[in-house]
Amino acid sequence: KGRTFRRGEFLQTMRHGLLQRSEARQVLAVVASVADLLSESEDQQQSTFALGNWLAPGCRSFLKMSGVRLLEILREFPEHFNCCCGTASKPIVALVRQDGICE
């Protein structure tokens, strides 16, 4: 069983490069799962609520254990995800195209 974190502690640990290998793998699994889901969607964007319902196995439990929200993780990867769409109550995440423009 992995470490548990207080709210905000995981992101700080990640930003400082202090994640354990298994935790880094989990972050990448979440990112890969979201990228797959978005690339399969018609307009390559989804609400974080919808994405959370369709994440790969283990990703939701990892997010809960790490005390981090899906949107917070995705914001750490702005070269891949545009997290500025939607509203505060229903954030929308979109893939960033190769040319850097939001889909």
Protein backbone atom coordinates (compact mmCIF):
# COMPACT_ATOMS: atom_id res chain seq x y z
CA LYS A 1 0.00 0.00 0.00
CA GLY A 2 1.34 3.45 -0.94
CA ARG A 3 1.77 6.60 1.06
CA THR A 4 -1.22 8.80 1.80
CA PHE A 5 -1.11 12.58 1.52
CA ARG A 6 -2.95 15.51 2.98
CA ARG A 7 -4.72 17.85 0.58
CA GLY A 8 -2.11 19.67 -1.54
CA GLU A 9 0.84 17.69 -0.18
CA PHE A 10 1.05 15.32 -3.15
CA LEU A 11 1.35 18.13 -5.71
CA GLN A 12 4.14 19.74 -3.70
CA THR A 13 5.95 16.41 -3.51
CA MET A 14 5.53 15.96 -7.25
CA ARG A 15 6.75 19.48 -8.05
CA HIS A 16 9.86 18.90 -5.96
CA GLY A 17 10.62 15.63 -7.76
CA LEU A 18 10.21 13.54 -4.62
CA LEU A 19 7.66 10.99 -5.80
CA GLN A 20 8.37 7.33 -5.39
CA ARG A 21 8.65 5.38 -8.63
CA SER A 22 5.24 3.73 -8.09
CA GLU A 23 3.61 7.13 -7.51
CA ALA A 24 5.18 8.55 -10.68
CA ARG A 25 3.85 5.54 -12.60
CA GLN A 26 0.38 6.22 -11.22
CA VAL A 27 0.54 9.88 -12.30
CA LEU A 28 1.53 8.78 -15.80
CA ALA A 29 -1.29 6.21 -15.82
CA VAL A 30 -3.81 8.95 -15.00
CA VAL A 31 -2.37 11.26 -17.68
CA ALA A 32 -2.33 8.46 -20.28
CA SER A 33 -5.88 7.41 -19.42
CA VAL A 34 -7.18 10.98 -19.82
CA ALA A 35 -5.25 11.46 -23.09
CA ASP A 36 -6.76 8.23 -24.45
CA LEU A 37 -10.27 9.23 -23.40
CA LEU A 38 -9.95 12.69 -24.92
CA SER A 39 -8.46 11.45 -28.19
CA GLU A 40 -11.35 8.97 -28.54
CA SER A 41 -14.01 11.63 -27.93
CA GLU A 42 -15.51 13.36 -30.95
CA ASP A 43 -14.41 16.92 -30.13
CA GLN A 44 -11.40 15.88 -28.01
CA GLN A 45 -12.70 17.55 -24.88
CA GLN A 46 -14.67 16.36 -21.85
CA SER A 47 -15.72 17.55 -18.43
CA THR A 48 -13.55 16.38 -15.56
CA PHE A 49 -16.68 14.72 -14.14
CA ALA A 50 -17.09 12.58 -17.28
CA LEU A 51 -13.38 11.82 -17.41
CA GLY A 52 -13.39 10.74 -13.77
CA ASN A 53 -16.13 8.22 -14.50
CA TRP A 54 -14.15 6.57 -17.32
CA LEU A 55 -10.57 6.57 -16.00
CA ALA A 56 -8.54 3.38 -16.32
CA PRO A 57 -8.74 0.93 -13.39
CA GLY A 58 -6.87 2.11 -10.31
CA CYS A 59 -6.70 5.77 -11.33
CA ARG A 60 -9.65 6.95 -9.23
CA SER A 61 -8.40 5.18 -6.12
CA PHE A 62 -4.93 6.66 -6.69
CA LEU A 63 -6.38 10.18 -6.92
CA LYS A 64 -8.30 9.63 -3.68
CA MET A 65 -5.26 8.18 -1.89
CA SER A 66 -3.05 11.04 -3.05
CA GLY A 67 -5.56 13.69 -1.97
CA VAL A 68 -5.49 15.38 -5.38
CA ARG A 69 -8.22 16.22 -7.87
CA LEU A 70 -8.02 15.13 -11.50
CA LEU A 71 -7.96 18.74 -12.71
CA GLU A 72 -4.99 19.53 -10.45
CA ILE A 73 -2.94 16.71 -11.96
CA LEU A 74 -3.84 17.70 -15.51
CA ARG A 75 -2.86 21.31 -14.89
CA GLU A 76 0.68 20.06 -14.30
CA PHE A 77 0.81 19.04 -17.98
CA PRO A 78 -0.15 22.21 -19.92
CA GLU A 79 1.73 21.02 -23.00
CA HIS A 80 -0.89 18.25 -23.35
CA PHE A 81 -4.08 19.53 -21.72
CA ASN A 82 -5.97 22.82 -21.84
CA CYS A 83 -7.80 23.10 -18.51
CA CYS A 84 -9.13 26.63 -19.01
CA CYS A 85 -12.43 25.72 -20.64
CA GLY A 86 -15.87 25.42 -19.02
CA THR A 87 -16.95 26.85 -15.70
CA ALA A 88 -15.66 26.54 -12.13
CA SER A 89 -18.41 24.05 -11.33
CA LYS A 90 -17.96 22.07 -14.57
CA PRO A 91 -14.39 22.35 -15.84
CA ILE A 92 -13.71 21.11 -19.35
CA VAL A 93 -10.38 19.60 -20.36
CA ALA A 94 -9.26 19.58 -23.99
CA LEU A 95 -6.26 18.14 -25.76
CA VAL A 96 -3.66 20.59 -27.04
CA ARG A 97 -2.90 19.96 -30.70
CA GLN A 98 0.63 19.49 -32.02
CA ASP A 99 0.71 23.16 -33.05
CA GLY A 100 -0.12 24.19 -29.47
CA ILE A 101 -3.71 25.23 -30.16
CA CYS A 102 -6.60 23.92 -28.08
CA GLU A 103 -8.81 21.49 -29.99
